[in-house]
Amino acid sequence: MMRLFSILLLLAGLLVAGYGGSRLLEIYNPQAKGLAAAPAAMDEAAPPDDAATEMAGASETEAMEAAPPAEAEVPAPKPESMARSLPAPTLDSEVFNGESAPMDEPMFSPEVSPEIMASAPPAAAVDATAAFVDSLKTVQVAHETPATAEYKRPFEAVLAIDATGDSTAADALPGHGVIEEGTAKVSKLVEARLSGSGFAIKAMTPEQQTISPLTENTWRWSVTPLTAGSQELTFDIYAIDDGPAVPLRTFHNTVTVQVTGLNRAIAFADQANPLAVFLGGVGSVLAGLFGAVRFVRRR
C-alpha cells in the first residue's frame, strides 16, 4: 500500500513541476509565444497549393496558344531500338560497323562444349586401341591342377595355349589332375602368372612366351600348399605390348589341401611356438631319464 502511494505522489510531483515550468517560460520569455504564432500567420496568408497549380497551368496554356505552331519533331530512336534493328550476330559471323561478315575460323558447336572435347581421347589413342584389339587372336586354353594335395608336399600346375588351329589344348597337359578348358584372345607375346594366398609358387618355365603357330605353349609351376582346407589357385593371362601388361583372361581352380600322417606332425611343428616345442622336448627327455633310473634301481 505504501509503495502505491509513493508512486502516485511521484507522478503528482512531476505534473506540478511541468506546469510550473511552462508558466515560468510564459512570464520570463514572452518572445517565444510570438515566434510560435508567426508560422501560423504565414500559413494563413499563403494561397492553397491547388490554386497555385491551377494558375501556373493557365499561364502555360495561354503561352502555348499565343506561340506559332512548330513543325512536328521526329523522336530520336532510343539505344534499345537501335540495338534491336541491327541483325544479331551468329556463330559463323562477326559484326563490323553494323554489318555481318563471315568469320575465317569456325567456332565450336553449341551442342559440344570445349571441356567435353578436351576430355575425349585423342584420335591417335583410339586408333592404337582399335589396332591392338584387331591384332588379338582367339586361341584354345587349358589348365590342370590336382583335385587334392598334401600339406607341404609340392605338386605341379600347368597352363597350355594352342594357337595352331587345333580344337583343344588339353593334349599338351600331363592329364593327372583336373583339366579345365576355355578360349582367350591373346597377342603375339603372352605372359602367364599363377597366384594363390595359401601356396608357395615357383615358376618352372618362362612366364613370357611368344605364341607359336606350330605347337602348343605351356607354362609350369611348382606349387607347395601352406594351409589346409580348400584353397584357390588363379591363372592370369596378359598381353605384352609396348606399354604395360594388359589382362586378357583369368581362370580359377580350387585345390583341397589335406593333412595326413607325417604331414600332420610337420604342420604341428610349423604352427607351434618354437620355445614350447623345445621345452616339450626337454621335458620328454627328463621324463624318459627319470623312468629309466627307477627301472634300474628296482632291479
C-alpha atoms as a PDB file:
ATOM      1  CA  MET A   1       0.000   0.000   0.000  1.00  0.00           C
ATOM      2  CA  MET A   2       2.809   2.408   0.873  1.00  0.00           C
ATOM      3  CA  ARG A   3       4.556   1.590  -2.415  1.00  0.00           C
ATOM      4  CA  LEU A   4       1.436   2.518  -4.453  1.00  0.00           C
ATOM      5  CA  PHE A   5       1.018   5.750  -2.515  1.00  0.00           C
ATOM      6  CA  SER A   6       4.667   6.676  -3.162  1.00  0.00           C
ATOM      7  CA  ILE A   7       4.237   6.117  -6.931  1.00  0.00           C
ATOM      8  CA  LEU A   8       1.115   8.317  -7.059  1.00  0.00           C
ATOM      9  CA  LEU A   9       2.882  11.011  -5.110  1.00  0.00           C
ATOM     10  CA  LEU A  10       5.827  10.932  -7.567  1.00  0.00           C
ATOM     11  CA  LEU A  11       3.516  11.303 -10.578  1.00  0.00           C
ATOM     12  CA  ALA A  12       1.698  14.229  -8.965  1.00  0.00           C
ATOM     13  CA  GLY A  13       5.034  15.922  -8.292  1.00  0.00           C
ATOM     14  CA  LEU A  14       6.067  15.530 -11.976  1.00  0.00           C
ATOM     15  CA  LEU A  15       2.798  17.114 -13.148  1.00  0.00           C
ATOM     16  CA  VAL A  16       3.184  20.048 -10.809  1.00  0.00           C
ATOM     17  CA  ALA A  17       6.797  20.606 -11.880  1.00  0.00           C
ATOM     18  CA  GLY A  18       5.843  20.589 -15.565  1.00  0.00           C
ATOM     19  CA  TYR A  19       3.013  23.066 -15.110  1.00  0.00           C
ATOM     20  CA  GLY A  20       5.225  25.392 -13.076  1.00  0.00           C
ATOM     21  CA  GLY A  21       7.965  25.326 -15.706  1.00  0.00           C
ATOM     22  CA  SER A  22       5.542  26.262 -18.510  1.00  0.00           C
ATOM     23  CA  ARG A  23       4.226  29.205 -16.526  1.00  0.00           C
ATOM     24  CA  LEU A  24       7.752  30.493 -15.869  1.00  0.00           C
ATOM     25  CA  LEU A  25       8.515  30.383 -19.624  1.00  0.00           C
ATOM     26  CA  GLU A  26       5.396  32.435 -20.402  1.00  0.00           C
ATOM     27  CA  ILE A  27       6.340  35.076 -17.793  1.00  0.00           C
ATOM     28  CA  TYR A  28      10.094  35.475 -18.416  1.00  0.00           C
ATOM     29  CA  ASN A  29      10.250  34.700 -22.230  1.00  0.00           C
ATOM     30  CA  PRO A  30       7.248  36.303 -23.965  1.00  0.00           C
ATOM     31  CA  GLN A  31       9.048  36.327 -27.380  1.00  0.00           C
ATOM     32  CA  ALA A  32       8.775  32.554 -27.705  1.00  0.00           C
ATOM     33  CA  LYS A  33       4.992  32.910 -27.807  1.00  0.00           C
ATOM     34  CA  GLY A  34       5.216  35.440 -30.670  1.00  0.00           C
ATOM     35  CA  LEU A  35       7.600  33.248 -32.645  1.00  0.00           C
ATOM     36  CA  ALA A  36       5.271  30.295 -32.256  1.00  0.00           C
ATOM     37  CA  ALA A  37       2.376  32.359 -33.625  1.00  0.00           C
ATOM     38  CA  ALA A  38       4.348  33.617 -36.694  1.00  0.00           C
ATOM     39  CA  PRO A  39       4.287  30.383 -38.717  1.00  0.00           C
ATOM     40  CA  ALA A  40       0.532  30.166 -38.268  1.00  0.00           C
ATOM     41  CA  ALA A  41       0.102  33.668 -39.720  1.00  0.00           C
ATOM     42  CA  MET A  42       2.291  32.841 -42.692  1.00  0.00           C
ATOM     43  CA  ASP A  43       0.250  29.699 -43.391  1.00  0.00           C
ATOM     44  CA  GLU A  44      -2.966  31.756 -43.409  1.00  0.00           C
ATOM     45  CA  ALA A  45      -1.504  34.346 -45.840  1.00  0.00           C
ATOM     46  CA  ALA A  46      -0.207  31.804 -48.392  1.00  0.00           C
ATOM     47  CA  PRO A  47      -2.693  30.638 -51.095  1.00  0.00           C
ATOM     48  CA  PRO A  48      -3.557  26.962 -51.204  1.00  0.00           C
ATOM     49  CA  ASP A  49      -1.342  24.712 -53.290  1.00  0.00           C
ATOM     50  CA  ASP A  50      -4.171  23.695 -55.640  1.00  0.00           C
ATOM     51  CA  ALA A  51      -4.896  27.292 -56.518  1.00  0.00           C
ATOM     52  CA  ALA A  52      -1.234  27.990 -57.330  1.00  0.00           C
ATOM     53  CA  THR A  53      -1.086  24.932 -59.546  1.00  0.00           C
ATOM     54  CA  GLU A  54      -4.188  25.996 -61.459  1.00  0.00           C
ATOM     55  CA  MET A  55      -2.781  29.483 -62.019  1.00  0.00           C
ATOM     56  CA  ALA A  56       0.538  28.140 -63.351  1.00  0.00           C
ATOM     57  CA  GLY A  57      -1.268  25.751 -65.697  1.00  0.00           C
ATOM     58  CA  ALA A  58      -3.467  28.559 -67.071  1.00  0.00           C
ATOM     59  CA  SER A  59      -0.425  30.741 -67.815  1.00  0.00           C
ATOM     60  CA  GLU A  60       1.331  27.946 -69.689  1.00  0.00           C
ATOM     61  CA  THR A  61      -1.808  27.270 -71.787  1.00  0.00           C
ATOM     62  CA  GLU A  62      -2.072  30.921 -72.811  1.00  0.00           C
ATOM     63  CA  ALA A  63       1.614  30.995 -73.799  1.00  0.00           C
ATOM     64  CA  MET A  64       1.220  27.910 -75.979  1.00  0.00           C
ATOM     65  CA  GLU A  65      -1.842  29.347 -77.767  1.00  0.00           C
ATOM     66  CA  ALA A  66      -0.029  32.618 -78.493  1.00  0.00           C
ATOM     67  CA  ALA A  67       3.067  30.892 -79.963  1.00  0.00           C
ATOM     68  CA  PRO A  68       3.034  29.895 -83.696  1.00  0.00           C
ATOM     69  CA  PRO A  69       2.687  26.155 -84.474  1.00  0.00           C
ATOM     70  CA  ALA A  70       6.026  24.408 -84.852  1.00  0.00           C
ATOM     71  CA  GLU A  71       6.852  21.511 -87.142  1.00  0.00           C
ATOM     72  CA  ALA A  72       6.393  18.067 -85.617  1.00  0.00           C
ATOM     73  CA  GLU A  73       9.674  16.697 -84.403  1.00  0.00           C
ATOM     74  CA  VAL A  74      10.544  13.093 -85.053  1.00  0.00           C
ATOM     75  CA  PRO A  75      11.533  11.441 -81.771  1.00  0.00           C
ATOM     76  CA  ALA A  76      15.123  10.266 -81.747  1.00  0.00           C
ATOM     77  CA  PRO A  77      15.479   6.491 -81.648  1.00  0.00           C
ATOM     78  CA  LYS A  78      16.437   5.130 -78.316  1.00  0.00           C
ATOM     79  CA  PRO A  79      19.574   2.971 -77.911  1.00  0.00           C
ATOM     80  CA  GLU A  80      17.430  -0.083 -77.224  1.00  0.00           C
ATOM     81  CA  SER A  81      15.501   0.294 -80.509  1.00  0.00           C
ATOM     82  CA  MET A  82      18.772   0.789 -82.431  1.00  0.00           C
ATOM     83  CA  ALA A  83      20.168  -2.380 -80.964  1.00  0.00           C
ATOM     84  CA  ARG A  84      17.051  -4.271 -81.922  1.00  0.00           C
ATOM     85  CA  SER A  85      17.177  -3.050 -85.522  1.00  0.00           C
ATOM     86  CA  LEU A  86      20.656  -4.493 -86.070  1.00  0.00           C
ATOM     87  CA  PRO A  87      20.885  -8.207 -87.022  1.00  0.00           C
ATOM     88  CA  ALA A  88      22.046 -10.436 -84.182  1.00  0.00           C
ATOM     89  CA  PRO A  89      25.497 -11.965 -84.718  1.00  0.00           C
ATOM     90  CA  THR A  90      25.503 -15.694 -85.371  1.00  0.00           C
ATOM     91  CA  LEU A  91      28.075 -18.351 -84.529  1.00  0.00           C
ATOM     92  CA  ASP A  92      29.528 -18.137 -88.060  1.00  0.00           C
ATOM     93  CA  SER A  93      29.805 -14.348 -88.415  1.00  0.00           C
ATOM     94  CA  GLU A  94      31.212 -11.205 -86.780  1.00  0.00           C
ATOM     95  CA  VAL A  95      29.715  -7.718 -86.688  1.00  0.00           C
ATOM     96  CA  PHE A  96      31.833  -4.894 -88.198  1.00  0.00           C
ATOM     97  CA  ASN A  97      30.258  -1.369 -88.199  1.00  0.00           C
ATOM     98  CA  GLY A  98      26.783  -2.820 -88.066  1.00  0.00           C
ATOM     99  CA  GLU A  99      27.343  -5.310 -90.915  1.00  0.00           C
ATOM    100  CA  SER A 100      27.842  -9.039 -90.626  1.00  0.00           C
ATOM    101  CA  ALA A 101      30.839 -10.688 -92.245  1.00  0.00           C
ATOM    102  CA  PRO A 102      31.821 -14.373 -92.369  1.00  0.00           C
ATOM    103  CA  MET A 103      34.451 -15.495 -89.913  1.00  0.00           C
ATOM    104  CA  ASP A 104      37.700 -17.053 -91.056  1.00  0.00           C
ATOM    105  CA  GLU A 105      37.885 -19.637 -88.248  1.00  0.00           C
ATOM    106  CA  PRO A 106      34.990 -21.988 -87.330  1.00  0.00           C
ATOM    107  CA  MET A 107      33.649 -21.902 -83.791  1.00  0.00           C
ATOM    108  CA  PHE A 108      32.592 -24.795 -81.556  1.00  0.00           C
ATOM    109  CA  SER A 109      29.106 -26.150 -81.977  1.00  0.00           C
ATOM    110  CA  PRO A 110      26.839 -25.191 -79.027  1.00  0.00           C
ATOM    111  CA  GLU A 111      25.932 -28.840 -78.521  1.00  0.00           C
ATOM    112  CA  VAL A 112      29.562 -29.879 -77.705  1.00  0.00           C
ATOM    113  CA  SER A 113      31.405 -27.814 -75.127  1.00  0.00           C
ATOM    114  CA  PRO A 114      35.197 -27.353 -75.266  1.00  0.00           C
ATOM    115  CA  GLU A 115      35.527 -29.210 -71.930  1.00  0.00           C
ATOM    116  CA  ILE A 116      33.883 -32.323 -73.371  1.00  0.00           C
ATOM    117  CA  MET A 117      36.057 -32.195 -76.477  1.00  0.00           C
ATOM    118  CA  ALA A 118      39.178 -31.776 -74.343  1.00  0.00           C
ATOM    119  CA  SER A 119      38.264 -34.807 -72.187  1.00  0.00           C
ATOM    120  CA  ALA A 120      37.676 -37.059 -75.194  1.00  0.00           C
ATOM    121  CA  PRO A 121      40.573 -39.406 -76.048  1.00  0.00           C
ATOM    122  CA  PRO A 122      42.692 -38.312 -78.990  1.00  0.00           C
ATOM    123  CA  ALA A 123      42.101 -39.967 -82.314  1.00  0.00           C
ATOM    124  CA  ALA A 124      45.592 -41.484 -82.281  1.00  0.00           C
ATOM    125  CA  ALA A 125      44.895 -43.295 -78.986  1.00  0.00           C
ATOM    126  CA  VAL A 126      41.581 -44.617 -80.297  1.00  0.00           C
ATOM    127  CA  ASP A 127      43.268 -45.869 -83.445  1.00  0.00           C
ATOM    128  CA  ALA A 128      46.033 -47.546 -81.430  1.00  0.00           C
ATOM    129  CA  THR A 129      43.489 -49.294 -79.194  1.00  0.00           C
ATOM    130  CA  ALA A 130      41.498 -50.488 -82.203  1.00  0.00           C
ATOM    131  CA  ALA A 131      44.665 -51.747 -83.860  1.00  0.00           C
ATOM    132  CA  PHE A 132      45.669 -53.604 -80.678  1.00  0.00           C
ATOM    133  CA  VAL A 133      42.266 -55.289 -80.390  1.00  0.00           C
ATOM    134  CA  ASP A 134      42.380 -56.278 -84.063  1.00  0.00           C
ATOM    135  CA  SER A 135      45.803 -57.859 -83.535  1.00  0.00           C
ATOM    136  CA  LEU A 136      44.477 -60.273 -80.876  1.00  0.00           C
ATOM    137  CA  LYS A 137      43.786 -63.858 -81.887  1.00  0.00           C
ATOM    138  CA  THR A 138      41.300 -66.266 -80.316  1.00  0.00           C
ATOM    139  CA  VAL A 139      43.050 -69.472 -79.157  1.00  0.00           C
ATOM    140  CA  GLN A 140      42.306 -72.615 -77.150  1.00  0.00           C
ATOM    141  CA  VAL A 141      43.364 -72.622 -73.461  1.00  0.00           C
ATOM    142  CA  ALA A 142      43.540 -75.495 -70.955  1.00  0.00           C
ATOM    143  CA  HIS A 143      44.890 -75.702 -67.393  1.00  0.00           C
ATOM    144  CA  GLU A 144      45.404 -78.553 -64.932  1.00  0.00           C
ATOM    145  CA  THR A 145      45.700 -78.790 -61.120  1.00  0.00           C
ATOM    146  CA  PRO A 146      45.204 -81.755 -58.752  1.00  0.00           C
ATOM    147  CA  ALA A 147      41.871 -82.137 -57.012  1.00  0.00           C
ATOM    148  CA  THR A 148      43.607 -82.767 -53.663  1.00  0.00           C
ATOM    149  CA  ALA A 149      47.085 -82.090 -52.340  1.00  0.00           C
ATOM    150  CA  GLU A 150      49.043 -82.828 -49.160  1.00  0.00           C
ATOM    151  CA  TYR A 151      50.358 -80.231 -46.785  1.00  0.00           C
ATOM    152  CA  LYS A 152      53.975 -79.228 -47.513  1.00  0.00           C
ATOM    153  CA  ARG A 153      54.159 -81.655 -50.451  1.00  0.00           C
ATOM    154  CA  PRO A 154      54.632 -79.796 -53.768  1.00  0.00           C
ATOM    155  CA  PHE A 155      52.613 -80.549 -56.899  1.00  0.00           C
ATOM    156  CA  GLU A 156      52.643 -79.253 -60.495  1.00  0.00           C
ATOM    157  CA  ALA A 157      50.202 -76.798 -62.100  1.00  0.00           C
ATOM    158  CA  VAL A 158      50.195 -76.491 -65.912  1.00  0.00           C
ATOM    159  CA  LEU A 159      48.672 -73.993 -68.382  1.00  0.00           C
ATOM    160  CA  ALA A 160      48.618 -74.609 -72.163  1.00  0.00           C
ATOM    161  CA  ILE A 161      47.716 -72.338 -75.099  1.00  0.00           C
ATOM    162  CA  ASP A 162      47.188 -73.815 -78.567  1.00  0.00           C
ATOM    163  CA  ALA A 163      47.345 -71.323 -81.480  1.00  0.00           C
ATOM    164  CA  THR A 164      47.896 -73.954 -84.188  1.00  0.00           C
ATOM    165  CA  GLY A 165      44.223 -74.151 -85.079  1.00  0.00           C
ATOM    166  CA  ASP A 166      43.526 -77.314 -83.101  1.00  0.00           C
ATOM    167  CA  SER A 167      40.173 -77.625 -81.351  1.00  0.00           C
ATOM    168  CA  THR A 168      41.685 -78.271 -77.902  1.00  0.00           C
ATOM    169  CA  ALA A 169      44.801 -77.531 -75.868  1.00  0.00           C
ATOM    170  CA  ALA A 170      44.281 -80.333 -73.339  1.00  0.00           C
ATOM    171  CA  ASP A 171      46.542 -82.733 -75.227  1.00  0.00           C
ATOM    172  CA  ALA A 172      49.527 -80.637 -74.085  1.00  0.00           C
ATOM    173  CA  LEU A 173      48.756 -81.288 -70.376  1.00  0.00           C
ATOM    174  CA  PRO A 174      50.030 -84.247 -68.283  1.00  0.00           C
ATOM    175  CA  GLY A 175      46.489 -85.489 -67.645  1.00  0.00           C
ATOM    176  CA  HIS A 176      46.976 -86.468 -63.968  1.00  0.00           C
ATOM    177  CA  GLY A 177      44.636 -83.914 -62.350  1.00  0.00           C
ATOM    178  CA  VAL A 178      41.550 -81.843 -63.011  1.00  0.00           C
ATOM    179  CA  ILE A 179      41.602 -80.292 -66.514  1.00  0.00           C
ATOM    180  CA  GLU A 180      39.504 -77.293 -67.481  1.00  0.00           C
ATOM    181  CA  GLU A 181      39.302 -75.780 -70.965  1.00  0.00           C
ATOM    182  CA  GLY A 182      38.303 -72.438 -72.481  1.00  0.00           C
ATOM    183  CA  THR A 183      39.239 -69.803 -75.044  1.00  0.00           C
ATOM    184  CA  ALA A 184      41.026 -66.467 -74.851  1.00  0.00           C
ATOM    185  CA  LYS A 185      42.133 -63.639 -77.099  1.00  0.00           C
ATOM    186  CA  VAL A 186      45.907 -63.326 -76.944  1.00  0.00           C
ATOM    187  CA  SER A 187      48.634 -61.208 -78.518  1.00  0.00           C
ATOM    188  CA  LYS A 188      51.866 -62.420 -80.071  1.00  0.00           C
ATOM    189  CA  LEU A 189      53.721 -62.114 -76.742  1.00  0.00           C
ATOM    190  CA  VAL A 190      51.863 -63.554 -73.735  1.00  0.00           C
ATOM    191  CA  GLU A 191      52.674 -63.624 -70.022  1.00  0.00           C
ATOM    192  CA  ALA A 192      51.010 -66.197 -67.741  1.00  0.00           C
ATOM    193  CA  ARG A 193      51.009 -65.930 -63.929  1.00  0.00           C
ATOM    194  CA  LEU A 194      49.826 -68.256 -61.166  1.00  0.00           C
ATOM    195  CA  SER A 195      48.816 -66.948 -57.729  1.00  0.00           C
ATOM    196  CA  GLY A 196      47.249 -68.258 -54.530  1.00  0.00           C
ATOM    197  CA  SER A 197      47.373 -66.987 -50.942  1.00  0.00           C
ATOM    198  CA  GLY A 198      47.681 -70.486 -49.421  1.00  0.00           C
ATOM    199  CA  PHE A 199      50.577 -71.668 -51.596  1.00  0.00           C
ATOM    200  CA  ALA A 200      54.277 -71.144 -52.234  1.00  0.00           C
ATOM    201  CA  ILE A 201      54.610 -70.915 -56.029  1.00  0.00           C
ATOM    202  CA  LYS A 202      57.741 -71.197 -58.136  1.00  0.00           C
ATOM    203  CA  ALA A 203      57.773 -70.824 -61.947  1.00  0.00           C
ATOM    204  CA  MET A 204      59.396 -73.725 -63.796  1.00  0.00           C
ATOM    205  CA  THR A 205      59.130 -72.178 -67.315  1.00  0.00           C
ATOM    206  CA  PRO A 206      59.481 -68.592 -68.619  1.00  0.00           C
ATOM    207  CA  GLU A 207      56.412 -66.526 -67.734  1.00  0.00           C
ATOM    208  CA  GLN A 208      56.642 -64.527 -71.018  1.00  0.00           C
ATOM    209  CA  GLN A 209      56.434 -66.571 -74.210  1.00  0.00           C
ATOM    210  CA  THR A 210      55.886 -65.833 -77.889  1.00  0.00           C
ATOM    211  CA  ILE A 211      52.846 -67.697 -79.156  1.00  0.00           C
ATOM    212  CA  SER A 212      53.894 -70.390 -81.607  1.00  0.00           C
ATOM    213  CA  PRO A 213      51.789 -71.223 -84.678  1.00  0.00           C
ATOM    214  CA  LEU A 214      53.378 -74.696 -84.873  1.00  0.00           C
ATOM    215  CA  THR A 215      52.937 -76.228 -81.382  1.00  0.00           C
ATOM    216  CA  GLU A 216      51.359 -75.551 -78.010  1.00  0.00           C
ATOM    217  CA  ASN A 217      52.829 -73.117 -75.483  1.00  0.00           C
ATOM    218  CA  THR A 218      52.938 -74.478 -71.921  1.00  0.00           C
ATOM    219  CA  TRP A 219      53.626 -72.857 -68.556  1.00  0.00           C
ATOM    220  CA  ARG A 220      54.514 -74.969 -65.485  1.00  0.00           C
ATOM    221  CA  TRP A 221      54.719 -74.058 -61.787  1.00  0.00           C
ATOM    222  CA  SER A 222      55.804 -75.972 -58.679  1.00  0.00           C
ATOM    223  CA  VAL A 223      53.165 -75.335 -56.007  1.00  0.00           C
ATOM    224  CA  THR A 224      53.602 -76.148 -52.295  1.00  0.00           C
ATOM    225  CA  PRO A 225      50.481 -75.974 -50.064  1.00  0.00           C
ATOM    226  CA  LEU A 226      50.932 -73.921 -46.886  1.00  0.00           C
ATOM    227  CA  THR A 227      47.401 -74.022 -45.477  1.00  0.00           C
ATOM    228  CA  ALA A 228      44.986 -76.919 -45.002  1.00  0.00           C
ATOM    229  CA  GLY A 229      41.492 -76.881 -46.464  1.00  0.00           C
ATOM    230  CA  SER A 230      40.060 -75.700 -49.798  1.00  0.00           C
ATOM    231  CA  GLN A 231      42.453 -73.213 -51.408  1.00  0.00           C
ATOM    232  CA  GLU A 232      42.094 -71.305 -54.681  1.00  0.00           C
ATOM    233  CA  LEU A 233      44.651 -71.023 -57.483  1.00  0.00           C
ATOM    234  CA  THR A 234      44.300 -68.310 -60.153  1.00  0.00           C
ATOM    235  CA  PHE A 235      45.727 -68.369 -63.697  1.00  0.00           C
ATOM    236  CA  ASP A 236      46.113 -64.887 -65.250  1.00  0.00           C
ATOM    237  CA  ILE A 237      46.952 -64.315 -68.925  1.00  0.00           C
ATOM    238  CA  TYR A 238      48.385 -60.935 -70.024  1.00  0.00           C
ATOM    239  CA  ALA A 239      49.164 -59.395 -73.398  1.00  0.00           C
ATOM    240  CA  ILE A 240      52.637 -57.863 -73.621  1.00  0.00           C
ATOM    241  CA  ASP A 241      52.924 -54.858 -75.936  1.00  0.00           C
ATOM    242  CA  ASP A 242      54.948 -51.655 -75.993  1.00  0.00           C
ATOM    243  CA  GLY A 243      53.169 -50.399 -72.867  1.00  0.00           C
ATOM    244  CA  PRO A 244      52.264 -52.162 -69.590  1.00  0.00           C
ATOM    245  CA  ALA A 245      50.826 -55.679 -69.478  1.00  0.00           C
ATOM    246  CA  VAL A 246      47.155 -55.871 -70.476  1.00  0.00           C
ATOM    247  CA  PRO A 247      44.941 -58.514 -68.745  1.00  0.00           C
ATOM    248  CA  LEU A 248      43.290 -60.846 -71.240  1.00  0.00           C
ATOM    249  CA  ARG A 249      41.715 -63.773 -69.336  1.00  0.00           C
ATOM    250  CA  THR A 250      41.548 -65.235 -65.803  1.00  0.00           C
ATOM    251  CA  PHE A 251      40.841 -68.840 -64.739  1.00  0.00           C
ATOM    252  CA  HIS A 252      40.223 -70.140 -61.204  1.00  0.00           C
ATOM    253  CA  ASN A 253      40.901 -73.627 -59.807  1.00  0.00           C
ATOM    254  CA  THR A 254      40.162 -74.984 -56.338  1.00  0.00           C
ATOM    255  CA  VAL A 255      42.549 -77.426 -54.628  1.00  0.00           C
ATOM    256  CA  THR A 256      41.709 -79.218 -51.381  1.00  0.00           C
ATOM    257  CA  VAL A 257      44.808 -79.468 -49.188  1.00  0.00           C
ATOM    258  CA  GLN A 258      44.783 -82.460 -46.811  1.00  0.00           C
ATOM    259  CA  VAL A 259      46.920 -83.041 -43.692  1.00  0.00           C
ATOM    260  CA  THR A 260      47.602 -86.757 -43.018  1.00  0.00           C
ATOM    261  CA  GLY A 261      50.287 -88.918 -41.389  1.00  0.00           C
ATOM    262  CA  LEU A 262      53.711 -87.351 -41.110  1.00  0.00           C
ATOM    263  CA  ASN A 263      52.415 -84.118 -42.610  1.00  0.00           C
ATOM    264  CA  ARG A 264      50.253 -83.632 -39.514  1.00  0.00           C
ATOM    265  CA  ALA A 265      53.366 -83.613 -37.294  1.00  0.00           C
ATOM    266  CA  ILE A 266      55.065 -81.245 -39.740  1.00  0.00           C
ATOM    267  CA  ALA A 267      52.050 -78.974 -39.681  1.00  0.00           C
ATOM    268  CA  PHE A 268      52.005 -79.007 -35.870  1.00  0.00           C
ATOM    269  CA  ALA A 269      55.713 -78.162 -35.722  1.00  0.00           C
ATOM    270  CA  ASP A 270      55.267 -75.325 -38.228  1.00  0.00           C
ATOM    271  CA  GLN A 271      52.317 -73.807 -36.417  1.00  0.00           C
ATOM    272  CA  ALA A 272      53.573 -74.326 -32.830  1.00  0.00           C
ATOM    273  CA  ASN A 273      55.757 -71.920 -30.869  1.00  0.00           C
ATOM    274  CA  PRO A 274      59.450 -72.999 -31.155  1.00  0.00           C
ATOM    275  CA  LEU A 275      60.057 -72.346 -27.436  1.00  0.00           C
ATOM    276  CA  ALA A 276      57.101 -74.536 -26.478  1.00  0.00           C
ATOM    277  CA  VAL A 277      58.390 -77.313 -28.747  1.00  0.00           C
ATOM    278  CA  PHE A 278      61.875 -77.073 -27.168  1.00  0.00           C
ATOM    279  CA  LEU A 279      60.543 -77.152 -23.608  1.00  0.00           C
ATOM    280  CA  GLY A 280      58.275 -80.062 -24.514  1.00  0.00           C
ATOM    281  CA  GLY A 281      61.260 -81.963 -25.920  1.00  0.00           C
ATOM    282  CA  VAL A 282      63.384 -81.272 -22.799  1.00  0.00           C
ATOM    283  CA  GLY A 283      60.515 -82.395 -20.596  1.00  0.00           C
ATOM    284  CA  SER A 284      60.144 -85.586 -22.578  1.00  0.00           C
ATOM    285  CA  VAL A 285      63.876 -86.329 -22.245  1.00  0.00           C
ATOM    286  CA  LEU A 286      63.841 -85.733 -18.470  1.00  0.00           C
ATOM    287  CA  ALA A 287      60.752 -87.879 -18.055  1.00  0.00           C
ATOM    288  CA  GLY A 288      62.436 -90.684 -20.002  1.00  0.00           C
ATOM    289  CA  LEU A 289      65.605 -90.478 -17.894  1.00  0.00           C
ATOM    290  CA  PHE A 290      63.610 -90.472 -14.676  1.00  0.00           C
ATOM    291  CA  GLY A 291      61.720 -93.607 -15.755  1.00  0.00           C
ATOM    292  CA  ALA A 292      64.958 -95.355 -16.758  1.00  0.00           C
ATOM    293  CA  VAL A 293      66.625 -94.606 -13.370  1.00  0.00           C
ATOM    294  CA  ARG A 294      63.678 -96.000 -11.414  1.00  0.00           C
ATOM    295  CA  PHE A 295      63.663 -99.107 -13.569  1.00  0.00           C
ATOM    296  CA  VAL A 296      67.395 -99.691 -12.889  1.00  0.00           C
ATOM    297  CA  ARG A 297      67.016 -99.244  -9.117  1.00  0.00           C
ATOM    298  CA  ARG A 298      64.196-101.771  -8.906  1.00  0.00           C
ATOM    299  CA  ARG A 299      66.429-104.424 -10.461  1.00  0.00           C
END
